[in-house]
Amino acid sequence: MSSKTAIRTSVFSIIGNLFFVLIKGAAGILGNSYALIADAIESTADVFSSILVLIGLKYSTKPADENHPYGHGRFETLTTFAVIGFLVVSATIIAYESIQNIKTPHEGPKTFTLFVLGGIIIFKELSYQYVIRKSRETHSSSLKADAWHHRSDAITSVMAFIGIAIAIFMGDGFEAADDWAALIASGIIIFNAYKIFRPVLREISDEQIYDDLIIQIREIAVTVSGVVDTEKCHVRKMGMTYYVDLHMIVDGNISVIEGHKIAHDLKDEIQKQIPQVADVLVHTEPDRVTMI
């Protein structure tokens, strides 16, 4: 269910970005706004990154096979790196175009571009809120990156709005204000790309960053009949799912069959209460053994 939600959200991003490429491009050319044209370039990169997210999500949800016993979830993480790359490329293009336009004298932007940008800012921020909510629901790192594409789009549009407003209302000598605004926005986009990059790098290197989930797993474990306590608990994320290695402590006097049943009950209970857990590998430790 979470994979279908993530895929639908990705399709929403693709359609939205395609629409805004046309709107921004047309408004930028007709309204003589280089910031809007730069914004359209950024949205074009967003379209390709959203397509990558869609491909990554579809491939990552393929079931495990002989060559991929843990499934294909890592492809979703790799897609996130590609999306980050698109963010960096977008910011670089915007920065380059902005510098070129600052150095080239040109007419100021038209007033109507402010109204276009106002609508874009509102829609893009709402899009960010929608996609980031779905990324949390599905535990998708690539959807989170895609959400930040919407937020970065909103940021560049806000900066363009400020720059265009300065250029229009301040008049002669301030024609390049929207170009400076686009240049500042490119720096903000780079910073956001870095913020996305750090947790994804930690995820793909299997760094233990899931303390809240581990606490929840331990709390569930001790409610299962026969489990005395838990020892080691390691969690790794594969795409939108989690794999758990858990050491449970049981009475050392019980039989192997009883211990096996408790381990199965423990696994079933964890997966019941935390549906995003794909598998639980349970290792049994004795609490005490009667000495003979």
C-alpha atoms as a PDB file:
ATOM      1  CA  MET A   1       0.000   0.000   0.000  1.00  0.00           C
ATOM      2  CA  SER A   2       2.819   2.434   0.893  1.00  0.00           C
ATOM      3  CA  SER A   3       4.520   1.762  -2.462  1.00  0.00           C
ATOM      4  CA  LYS A   4       1.328   2.614  -4.381  1.00  0.00           C
ATOM      5  CA  THR A   5       0.974   5.821  -2.364  1.00  0.00           C
ATOM      6  CA  ALA A   6       4.585   6.773  -3.108  1.00  0.00           C
ATOM      7  CA  ILE A   7       4.158   6.086  -6.844  1.00  0.00           C
ATOM      8  CA  ARG A   8       0.936   8.151  -7.029  1.00  0.00           C
ATOM      9  CA  THR A   9       2.706  11.003  -5.236  1.00  0.00           C
ATOM     10  CA  SER A  10       5.591  10.821  -7.689  1.00  0.00           C
ATOM     11  CA  VAL A  11       3.182  11.021 -10.660  1.00  0.00           C
ATOM     12  CA  PHE A  12       1.626  14.104  -9.042  1.00  0.00           C
ATOM     13  CA  SER A  13       5.094  15.715  -8.926  1.00  0.00           C
ATOM     14  CA  ILE A  14       5.792  14.961 -12.584  1.00  0.00           C
ATOM     15  CA  ILE A  15       2.500  16.450 -13.798  1.00  0.00           C
ATOM     16  CA  GLY A  16       2.837  19.518 -11.552  1.00  0.00           C
ATOM     17  CA  ASN A  17       6.404  20.212 -12.642  1.00  0.00           C
ATOM     18  CA  LEU A  18       5.568  19.863 -16.344  1.00  0.00           C
ATOM     19  CA  PHE A  19       2.755  22.392 -15.930  1.00  0.00           C
ATOM     20  CA  PHE A  20       5.007  24.913 -14.211  1.00  0.00           C
ATOM     21  CA  VAL A  21       7.813  24.576 -16.752  1.00  0.00           C
ATOM     22  CA  LEU A  22       5.362  25.935 -19.336  1.00  0.00           C
ATOM     23  CA  ILE A  23       3.921  28.642 -17.064  1.00  0.00           C
ATOM     24  CA  LYS A  24       7.300  29.920 -15.826  1.00  0.00           C
ATOM     25  CA  GLY A  25       8.959  29.755 -19.214  1.00  0.00           C
ATOM     26  CA  ALA A  26       6.176  31.667 -20.949  1.00  0.00           C
ATOM     27  CA  ALA A  27       5.862  34.257 -18.160  1.00  0.00           C
ATOM     28  CA  GLY A  28       9.646  34.705 -17.989  1.00  0.00           C
ATOM     29  CA  ILE A  29       9.996  35.322 -21.729  1.00  0.00           C
ATOM     30  CA  LEU A  30       6.915  37.547 -22.082  1.00  0.00           C
ATOM     31  CA  GLY A  31       7.587  39.354 -18.800  1.00  0.00           C
ATOM     32  CA  ASN A  32      11.306  39.880 -19.408  1.00  0.00           C
ATOM     33  CA  SER A  33      12.202  38.155 -16.117  1.00  0.00           C
ATOM     34  CA  TYR A  34      15.465  36.227 -16.067  1.00  0.00           C
ATOM     35  CA  ALA A  35      14.664  34.964 -12.575  1.00  0.00           C
ATOM     36  CA  LEU A  36      11.483  33.325 -13.894  1.00  0.00           C
ATOM     37  CA  ILE A  37      13.364  31.806 -16.816  1.00  0.00           C
ATOM     38  CA  ALA A  38      15.936  30.422 -14.353  1.00  0.00           C
ATOM     39  CA  ASP A  39      13.034  29.124 -12.295  1.00  0.00           C
ATOM     40  CA  ALA A  40      11.687  27.350 -15.380  1.00  0.00           C
ATOM     41  CA  ILE A  41      15.093  25.729 -15.899  1.00  0.00           C
ATOM     42  CA  GLU A  42      15.002  24.481 -12.313  1.00  0.00           C
ATOM     43  CA  SER A  43      11.503  23.069 -12.849  1.00  0.00           C
ATOM     44  CA  THR A  44      12.709  21.290 -16.004  1.00  0.00           C
ATOM     45  CA  ALA A  45      15.340  19.514 -13.901  1.00  0.00           C
ATOM     46  CA  ASP A  46      12.560  18.739 -11.404  1.00  0.00           C
ATOM     47  CA  VAL A  47      10.610  16.907 -14.112  1.00  0.00           C
ATOM     48  CA  PHE A  48      13.537  14.599 -14.874  1.00  0.00           C
ATOM     49  CA  SER A  49      14.291  14.028 -11.190  1.00  0.00           C
ATOM     50  CA  SER A  50      10.629  13.162 -10.503  1.00  0.00           C
ATOM     51  CA  ILE A  51      10.714  10.662 -13.382  1.00  0.00           C
ATOM     52  CA  LEU A  52      13.822   9.136 -11.800  1.00  0.00           C
ATOM     53  CA  VAL A  53      12.005   8.930  -8.465  1.00  0.00           C
ATOM     54  CA  LEU A  54       9.095   7.133 -10.148  1.00  0.00           C
ATOM     55  CA  ILE A  55      11.413   4.613 -11.819  1.00  0.00           C
ATOM     56  CA  GLY A  56      13.318   4.072  -8.567  1.00  0.00           C
ATOM     57  CA  LEU A  57      10.130   3.556  -6.564  1.00  0.00           C
ATOM     58  CA  LYS A  58       8.736   1.036  -9.048  1.00  0.00           C
ATOM     59  CA  TYR A  59      11.988  -0.940  -9.191  1.00  0.00           C
ATOM     60  CA  SER A  60      12.606  -0.819  -5.439  1.00  0.00           C
ATOM     61  CA  THR A  61       9.244  -2.449  -4.718  1.00  0.00           C
ATOM     62  CA  LYS A  62      10.083  -5.582  -6.712  1.00  0.00           C
ATOM     63  CA  PRO A  63      10.035  -8.656  -4.443  1.00  0.00           C
ATOM     64  CA  ALA A  64      13.184 -10.376  -3.265  1.00  0.00           C
ATOM     65  CA  ASP A  65      14.746 -12.934  -5.606  1.00  0.00           C
ATOM     66  CA  GLU A  66      17.746 -15.258  -5.670  1.00  0.00           C
ATOM     67  CA  ASN A  67      20.181 -12.468  -6.514  1.00  0.00           C
ATOM     68  CA  HIS A  68      18.550  -9.903  -4.206  1.00  0.00           C
ATOM     69  CA  PRO A  69      17.518 -11.744  -1.007  1.00  0.00           C
ATOM     70  CA  TYR A  70      16.919  -8.420   0.771  1.00  0.00           C
ATOM     71  CA  GLY A  71      14.784  -7.104  -2.079  1.00  0.00           C
ATOM     72  CA  HIS A  72      15.516  -4.126  -4.333  1.00  0.00           C
ATOM     73  CA  GLY A  73      15.026  -1.350  -1.794  1.00  0.00           C
ATOM     74  CA  ARG A  74      18.503   0.114  -2.245  1.00  0.00           C
ATOM     75  CA  PHE A  75      17.478   1.330  -5.701  1.00  0.00           C
ATOM     76  CA  GLU A  76      15.161   3.810  -3.995  1.00  0.00           C
ATOM     77  CA  THR A  77      18.121   5.171  -2.023  1.00  0.00           C
ATOM     78  CA  LEU A  78      20.292   5.367  -5.144  1.00  0.00           C
ATOM     79  CA  THR A  79      17.499   7.297  -6.859  1.00  0.00           C
ATOM     80  CA  THR A  80      17.642   9.800  -4.015  1.00  0.00           C
ATOM     81  CA  PHE A  81      21.314  10.455  -4.801  1.00  0.00           C
ATOM     82  CA  ALA A  82      20.344  11.095  -8.416  1.00  0.00           C
ATOM     83  CA  VAL A  83      17.656  13.559  -7.302  1.00  0.00           C
ATOM     84  CA  ILE A  84      20.225  15.370  -5.136  1.00  0.00           C
ATOM     85  CA  GLY A  85      22.433  15.538  -8.214  1.00  0.00           C
ATOM     86  CA  PHE A  86      19.624  17.209 -10.146  1.00  0.00           C
ATOM     87  CA  LEU A  87      19.230  19.752  -7.345  1.00  0.00           C
ATOM     88  CA  VAL A  88      22.919  20.616  -7.540  1.00  0.00           C
ATOM     89  CA  VAL A  89      22.833  20.820 -11.351  1.00  0.00           C
ATOM     90  CA  SER A  90      19.737  23.042 -11.220  1.00  0.00           C
ATOM     91  CA  ALA A  91      21.376  25.373  -8.708  1.00  0.00           C
ATOM     92  CA  THR A  92      24.549  25.530 -10.793  1.00  0.00           C
ATOM     93  CA  ILE A  93      22.641  26.413 -13.979  1.00  0.00           C
ATOM     94  CA  ILE A  94      20.634  29.078 -12.153  1.00  0.00           C
ATOM     95  CA  ALA A  95      23.786  30.577 -10.633  1.00  0.00           C
ATOM     96  CA  TYR A  96      25.570  30.635 -13.987  1.00  0.00           C
ATOM     97  CA  GLU A  97      22.634  32.208 -15.842  1.00  0.00           C
ATOM     98  CA  SER A  98      22.141  34.753 -13.051  1.00  0.00           C
ATOM     99  CA  ILE A  99      25.784  35.875 -13.181  1.00  0.00           C
ATOM    100  CA  GLN A 100      25.631  36.173 -16.968  1.00  0.00           C
ATOM    101  CA  ASN A 101      22.460  38.264 -16.768  1.00  0.00           C
ATOM    102  CA  ILE A 102      23.869  40.501 -14.020  1.00  0.00           C
ATOM    103  CA  LYS A 103      26.779  41.350 -16.305  1.00  0.00           C
ATOM    104  CA  THR A 104      24.460  42.060 -19.269  1.00  0.00           C
ATOM    105  CA  PRO A 105      22.320  45.247 -19.221  1.00  0.00           C
ATOM    106  CA  HIS A 106      18.651  44.495 -19.875  1.00  0.00           C
ATOM    107  CA  GLU A 107      15.160  45.832 -19.349  1.00  0.00           C
ATOM    108  CA  GLY A 108      13.369  45.338 -16.064  1.00  0.00           C
ATOM    109  CA  PRO A 109      10.679  42.654 -15.618  1.00  0.00           C
ATOM    110  CA  LYS A 110       6.953  43.211 -16.201  1.00  0.00           C
ATOM    111  CA  THR A 111       4.518  43.713 -13.312  1.00  0.00           C
ATOM    112  CA  PHE A 112       2.268  40.775 -14.217  1.00  0.00           C
ATOM    113  CA  THR A 113       5.101  38.338 -13.412  1.00  0.00           C
ATOM    114  CA  LEU A 114       4.538  39.075  -9.712  1.00  0.00           C
ATOM    115  CA  PHE A 115       1.001  37.659  -9.917  1.00  0.00           C
ATOM    116  CA  VAL A 116       2.262  34.579 -11.742  1.00  0.00           C
ATOM    117  CA  LEU A 117       4.914  34.042  -9.072  1.00  0.00           C
ATOM    118  CA  GLY A 118       2.414  34.546  -6.249  1.00  0.00           C
ATOM    119  CA  GLY A 119       0.307  31.657  -7.563  1.00  0.00           C
ATOM    120  CA  ILE A 120       3.368  29.478  -8.113  1.00  0.00           C
ATOM    121  CA  ILE A 121       4.671  30.061  -4.586  1.00  0.00           C
ATOM    122  CA  ILE A 122       1.368  29.055  -2.990  1.00  0.00           C
ATOM    123  CA  PHE A 123       0.965  25.926  -5.122  1.00  0.00           C
ATOM    124  CA  LYS A 124       4.576  24.830  -4.696  1.00  0.00           C
ATOM    125  CA  GLU A 125       4.495  25.185  -0.917  1.00  0.00           C
ATOM    126  CA  LEU A 126       1.251  23.174  -0.798  1.00  0.00           C
ATOM    127  CA  SER A 127       2.909  20.580  -3.053  1.00  0.00           C
ATOM    128  CA  TYR A 128       5.868  20.393  -0.662  1.00  0.00           C
ATOM    129  CA  GLN A 129       3.567  19.857   2.322  1.00  0.00           C
ATOM    130  CA  TYR A 130       1.676  17.107   0.459  1.00  0.00           C
ATOM    131  CA  VAL A 131       4.753  15.215  -0.792  1.00  0.00           C
ATOM    132  CA  ILE A 132       6.706  15.505   2.481  1.00  0.00           C
ATOM    133  CA  ARG A 133       3.682  14.113   4.344  1.00  0.00           C
ATOM    134  CA  LYS A 134       3.539  11.168   1.935  1.00  0.00           C
ATOM    135  CA  SER A 135       7.300  10.617   2.298  1.00  0.00           C
ATOM    136  CA  ARG A 136       6.841  10.269   6.063  1.00  0.00           C
ATOM    137  CA  GLU A 137       3.890   7.925   5.629  1.00  0.00           C
ATOM    138  CA  THR A 138       5.820   5.680   3.236  1.00  0.00           C
ATOM    139  CA  HIS A 139       9.306   6.148   4.775  1.00  0.00           C
ATOM    140  CA  SER A 140      10.604   7.039   1.307  1.00  0.00           C
ATOM    141  CA  SER A 141      13.874   8.976   1.162  1.00  0.00           C
ATOM    142  CA  SER A 142      13.472   9.673  -2.565  1.00  0.00           C
ATOM    143  CA  LEU A 143      10.010  11.180  -1.996  1.00  0.00           C
ATOM    144  CA  LYS A 144      11.545  13.348   0.708  1.00  0.00           C
ATOM    145  CA  ALA A 145      14.123  14.562  -1.806  1.00  0.00           C
ATOM    146  CA  ASP A 146      11.333  15.135  -4.333  1.00  0.00           C
ATOM    147  CA  ALA A 147       9.417  17.137  -1.714  1.00  0.00           C
ATOM    148  CA  TRP A 148      12.468  19.341  -1.260  1.00  0.00           C
ATOM    149  CA  HIS A 149      12.447  19.916  -4.994  1.00  0.00           C
ATOM    150  CA  HIS A 150       9.026  21.502  -4.522  1.00  0.00           C
ATOM    151  CA  ARG A 151      10.301  23.516  -1.546  1.00  0.00           C
ATOM    152  CA  SER A 152      13.394  24.650  -3.476  1.00  0.00           C
ATOM    153  CA  ASP A 153      11.090  25.664  -6.331  1.00  0.00           C
ATOM    154  CA  ALA A 154       9.023  27.704  -3.876  1.00  0.00           C
ATOM    155  CA  ILE A 155      12.224  29.284  -2.496  1.00  0.00           C
ATOM    156  CA  THR A 156      13.488  30.296  -5.949  1.00  0.00           C
ATOM    157  CA  SER A 157      10.038  31.709  -6.712  1.00  0.00           C
ATOM    158  CA  VAL A 158      10.010  33.722  -3.471  1.00  0.00           C
ATOM    159  CA  MET A 159      13.456  35.104  -4.255  1.00  0.00           C
ATOM    160  CA  ALA A 160      12.353  35.878  -7.816  1.00  0.00           C
ATOM    161  CA  PHE A 161       9.259  37.635  -6.425  1.00  0.00           C
ATOM    162  CA  ILE A 162      11.401  39.800  -4.146  1.00  0.00           C
ATOM    163  CA  GLY A 163      13.884  40.564  -6.911  1.00  0.00           C
ATOM    164  CA  ILE A 164      11.204  41.427  -9.462  1.00  0.00           C
ATOM    165  CA  ALA A 165       9.372  43.613  -6.934  1.00  0.00           C
ATOM    166  CA  ILE A 166      12.598  45.538  -6.235  1.00  0.00           C
ATOM    167  CA  ALA A 167      13.322  45.893  -9.966  1.00  0.00           C
ATOM    168  CA  ILE A 168       9.796  47.166 -10.688  1.00  0.00           C
ATOM    169  CA  PHE A 169       9.283  49.519  -7.764  1.00  0.00           C
ATOM    170  CA  MET A 170      12.851  50.850  -7.456  1.00  0.00           C
ATOM    171  CA  GLY A 171      13.086  51.531 -11.185  1.00  0.00           C
ATOM    172  CA  ASP A 172      16.224  52.460 -13.132  1.00  0.00           C
ATOM    173  CA  GLY A 173      19.430  50.932 -11.880  1.00  0.00           C
ATOM    174  CA  PHE A 174      17.695  47.965 -10.239  1.00  0.00           C
ATOM    175  CA  GLU A 175      16.924  45.939 -13.380  1.00  0.00           C
ATOM    176  CA  ALA A 176      19.229  43.112 -12.260  1.00  0.00           C
ATOM    177  CA  ALA A 177      17.565  42.707  -8.857  1.00  0.00           C
ATOM    178  CA  ASP A 178      15.711  39.565  -9.945  1.00  0.00           C
ATOM    179  CA  ASP A 179      18.995  38.083 -11.216  1.00  0.00           C
ATOM    180  CA  TRP A 180      20.614  38.672  -7.832  1.00  0.00           C
ATOM    181  CA  ALA A 181      17.581  37.056  -6.230  1.00  0.00           C
ATOM    182  CA  ALA A 182      17.980  33.982  -8.444  1.00  0.00           C
ATOM    183  CA  LEU A 183      21.680  33.789  -7.529  1.00  0.00           C
ATOM    184  CA  ILE A 184      20.864  33.821  -3.804  1.00  0.00           C
ATOM    185  CA  ALA A 185      18.191  31.160  -4.372  1.00  0.00           C
ATOM    186  CA  SER A 186      20.760  28.881  -6.021  1.00  0.00           C
ATOM    187  CA  GLY A 187      22.799  28.958  -2.816  1.00  0.00           C
ATOM    188  CA  ILE A 188      19.720  28.024  -0.775  1.00  0.00           C
ATOM    189  CA  ILE A 189      19.043  25.078  -3.102  1.00  0.00           C
ATOM    190  CA  ILE A 190      22.618  23.801  -2.660  1.00  0.00           C
ATOM    191  CA  PHE A 191      22.204  23.991   1.120  1.00  0.00           C
ATOM    192  CA  ASN A 192      18.930  22.032   0.959  1.00  0.00           C
ATOM    193  CA  ALA A 193      20.606  19.397  -1.242  1.00  0.00           C
ATOM    194  CA  TYR A 194      23.264  18.989   1.440  1.00  0.00           C
ATOM    195  CA  LYS A 195      20.580  18.584   4.119  1.00  0.00           C
ATOM    196  CA  ILE A 196      19.014  15.737   2.111  1.00  0.00           C
ATOM    197  CA  PHE A 197      22.386  14.163   1.296  1.00  0.00           C
ATOM    198  CA  ARG A 198      23.549  13.660   4.887  1.00  0.00           C
ATOM    199  CA  PRO A 199      20.753  11.339   6.159  1.00  0.00           C
ATOM    200  CA  VAL A 200      20.672   9.367   2.884  1.00  0.00           C
ATOM    201  CA  LEU A 201      24.426   8.754   3.110  1.00  0.00           C
ATOM    202  CA  ARG A 202      23.946   7.537   6.680  1.00  0.00           C
ATOM    203  CA  GLU A 203      21.125   5.276   5.485  1.00  0.00           C
ATOM    204  CA  ILE A 204      23.078   3.624   2.652  1.00  0.00           C
ATOM    205  CA  SER A 205      26.079   3.055   4.949  1.00  0.00           C
ATOM    206  CA  ASP A 206      23.799   1.260   7.470  1.00  0.00           C
ATOM    207  CA  GLU A 207      24.547   3.729  10.245  1.00  0.00           C
ATOM    208  CA  GLN A 208      22.395   3.067  13.297  1.00  0.00           C
ATOM    209  CA  ILE A 209      20.091   6.111  13.185  1.00  0.00           C
ATOM    210  CA  TYR A 210      16.791   4.490  14.082  1.00  0.00           C
ATOM    211  CA  ASP A 211      16.815   4.810  17.873  1.00  0.00           C
ATOM    212  CA  ASP A 212      13.080   5.554  18.126  1.00  0.00           C
ATOM    213  CA  LEU A 213      12.232   2.465  16.068  1.00  0.00           C
ATOM    214  CA  ILE A 214      14.560   0.298  18.160  1.00  0.00           C
ATOM    215  CA  ILE A 215      12.880   1.520  21.357  1.00  0.00           C
ATOM    216  CA  GLN A 216       9.486   0.667  19.871  1.00  0.00           C
ATOM    217  CA  ILE A 217      10.683  -2.819  18.858  1.00  0.00           C
ATOM    218  CA  ARG A 218      12.043  -3.510  22.343  1.00  0.00           C
ATOM    219  CA  GLU A 219       8.779  -2.373  23.930  1.00  0.00           C
ATOM    220  CA  ILE A 220       6.791  -4.684  21.665  1.00  0.00           C
ATOM    221  CA  ALA A 221       9.159  -7.607  22.315  1.00  0.00           C
ATOM    222  CA  VAL A 222       8.670  -7.719  26.094  1.00  0.00           C
ATOM    223  CA  THR A 223       4.882  -7.934  25.628  1.00  0.00           C
ATOM    224  CA  VAL A 224       5.228 -11.258  23.769  1.00  0.00           C
ATOM    225  CA  SER A 225       4.654 -14.290  25.977  1.00  0.00           C
ATOM    226  CA  GLY A 226       7.914 -16.088  26.762  1.00  0.00           C
ATOM    227  CA  VAL A 227      10.226 -13.144  26.017  1.00  0.00           C
ATOM    228  CA  VAL A 228      12.098 -12.166  29.190  1.00  0.00           C
ATOM    229  CA  ASP A 229      13.998  -9.259  27.641  1.00  0.00           C
ATOM    230  CA  THR A 230      15.952  -8.207  24.557  1.00  0.00           C
ATOM    231  CA  GLU A 231      19.670  -7.772  24.036  1.00  0.00           C
ATOM    232  CA  LYS A 232      21.100  -6.556  20.720  1.00  0.00           C
ATOM    233  CA  CYS A 233      18.800  -4.847  18.256  1.00  0.00           C
ATOM    234  CA  HIS A 234      20.037  -3.606  14.874  1.00  0.00           C
ATOM    235  CA  VAL A 235      17.941  -1.986  12.161  1.00  0.00           C
ATOM    236  CA  ARG A 236      18.763  -1.311   8.520  1.00  0.00           C
ATOM    237  CA  LYS A 237      16.589   0.513   6.014  1.00  0.00           C
ATOM    238  CA  MET A 238      16.099  -0.874   2.513  1.00  0.00           C
ATOM    239  CA  GLY A 239      14.053   1.515   0.418  1.00  0.00           C
ATOM    240  CA  MET A 240      10.760   2.041   2.223  1.00  0.00           C
ATOM    241  CA  THR A 241      11.094  -0.992   4.531  1.00  0.00           C
ATOM    242  CA  TYR A 242      13.215  -2.030   7.505  1.00  0.00           C
ATOM    243  CA  TYR A 243      15.114  -5.207   8.347  1.00  0.00           C
ATOM    244  CA  VAL A 244      15.635  -6.029  12.021  1.00  0.00           C
ATOM    245  CA  ASP A 245      18.254  -8.216  13.754  1.00  0.00           C
ATOM    246  CA  LEU A 246      17.069  -8.872  17.301  1.00  0.00           C
ATOM    247  CA  HIS A 247      18.450 -10.932  20.173  1.00  0.00           C
ATOM    248  CA  MET A 248      15.689 -12.087  22.524  1.00  0.00           C
ATOM    249  CA  ILE A 249      16.250 -13.506  25.981  1.00  0.00           C
ATOM    250  CA  VAL A 250      14.098 -16.454  27.068  1.00  0.00           C
ATOM    251  CA  ASP A 251      14.032 -18.926  29.936  1.00  0.00           C
ATOM    252  CA  GLY A 252      17.030 -21.212  29.424  1.00  0.00           C
ATOM    253  CA  ASN A 253      15.093 -24.282  30.561  1.00  0.00           C
ATOM    254  CA  ILE A 254      12.576 -24.317  27.719  1.00  0.00           C
ATOM    255  CA  SER A 255      12.888 -26.639  24.709  1.00  0.00           C
ATOM    256  CA  VAL A 256      14.191 -25.679  21.289  1.00  0.00           C
ATOM    257  CA  ILE A 257      10.657 -26.086  19.916  1.00  0.00           C
ATOM    258  CA  GLU A 258       9.259 -23.661  22.517  1.00  0.00           C
ATOM    259  CA  GLY A 259      12.034 -21.144  21.804  1.00  0.00           C
ATOM    260  CA  HIS A 260      11.338 -21.453  18.074  1.00  0.00           C
ATOM    261  CA  LYS A 261       7.648 -20.719  18.630  1.00  0.00           C
ATOM    262  CA  ILE A 262       8.397 -17.667  20.787  1.00  0.00           C
ATOM    263  CA  ALA A 263      10.740 -16.327  18.085  1.00  0.00           C
ATOM    264  CA  HIS A 264       7.977 -16.681  15.473  1.00  0.00           C
ATOM    265  CA  ASP A 265       5.442 -15.033  17.773  1.00  0.00           C
ATOM    266  CA  LEU A 266       7.887 -12.172  18.354  1.00  0.00           C
ATOM    267  CA  LYS A 267       8.486 -11.660  14.642  1.00  0.00           C
ATOM    268  CA  ASP A 268       4.751 -11.755  13.875  1.00  0.00           C
ATOM    269  CA  GLU A 269       3.938  -9.223  16.601  1.00  0.00           C
ATOM    270  CA  ILE A 270       6.613  -6.758  15.480  1.00  0.00           C
ATOM    271  CA  GLN A 271       5.444  -6.937  11.848  1.00  0.00           C
ATOM    272  CA  LYS A 272       1.830  -6.623  12.950  1.00  0.00           C
ATOM    273  CA  GLN A 273       2.455  -3.436  14.923  1.00  0.00           C
ATOM    274  CA  ILE A 274       5.092  -1.990  12.555  1.00  0.00           C
ATOM    275  CA  PRO A 275       3.960  -2.892   9.002  1.00  0.00           C
ATOM    276  CA  GLN A 276       7.004  -1.255   7.380  1.00  0.00           C
ATOM    277  CA  VAL A 277       9.257  -3.941   8.924  1.00  0.00           C
ATOM    278  CA  ALA A 278       9.883  -6.413   6.087  1.00  0.00           C
ATOM    279  CA  ASP A 279      11.687  -9.073   8.135  1.00  0.00           C
ATOM    280  CA  VAL A 280      12.917  -9.816  11.642  1.00  0.00           C
ATOM    281  CA  LEU A 281      15.846 -12.148  12.253  1.00  0.00           C
ATOM    282  CA  VAL A 282      15.548 -13.370  15.851  1.00  0.00           C
ATOM    283  CA  HIS A 283      18.492 -14.840  17.763  1.00  0.00           C
ATOM    284  CA  THR A 284      17.663 -16.662  21.003  1.00  0.00           C
ATOM    285  CA  GLU A 285      19.668 -16.115  24.196  1.00  0.00           C
ATOM    286  CA  PRO A 286      19.079 -18.092  27.441  1.00  0.00           C
ATOM    287  CA  ASP A 287      18.169 -16.168  30.569  1.00  0.00           C
ATOM    288  CA  ARG A 288      19.153 -18.934  32.948  1.00  0.00           C
ATOM    289  CA  VAL A 289      19.872 -22.641  32.624  1.00  0.00           C
ATOM    290  CA  THR A 290      19.212 -25.177  35.370  1.00  0.00           C
ATOM    291  CA  MET A 291      22.515 -26.763  36.253  1.00  0.00           C
ATOM    292  CA  ILE A 292      22.446 -30.554  36.602  1.00  0.00           C
END
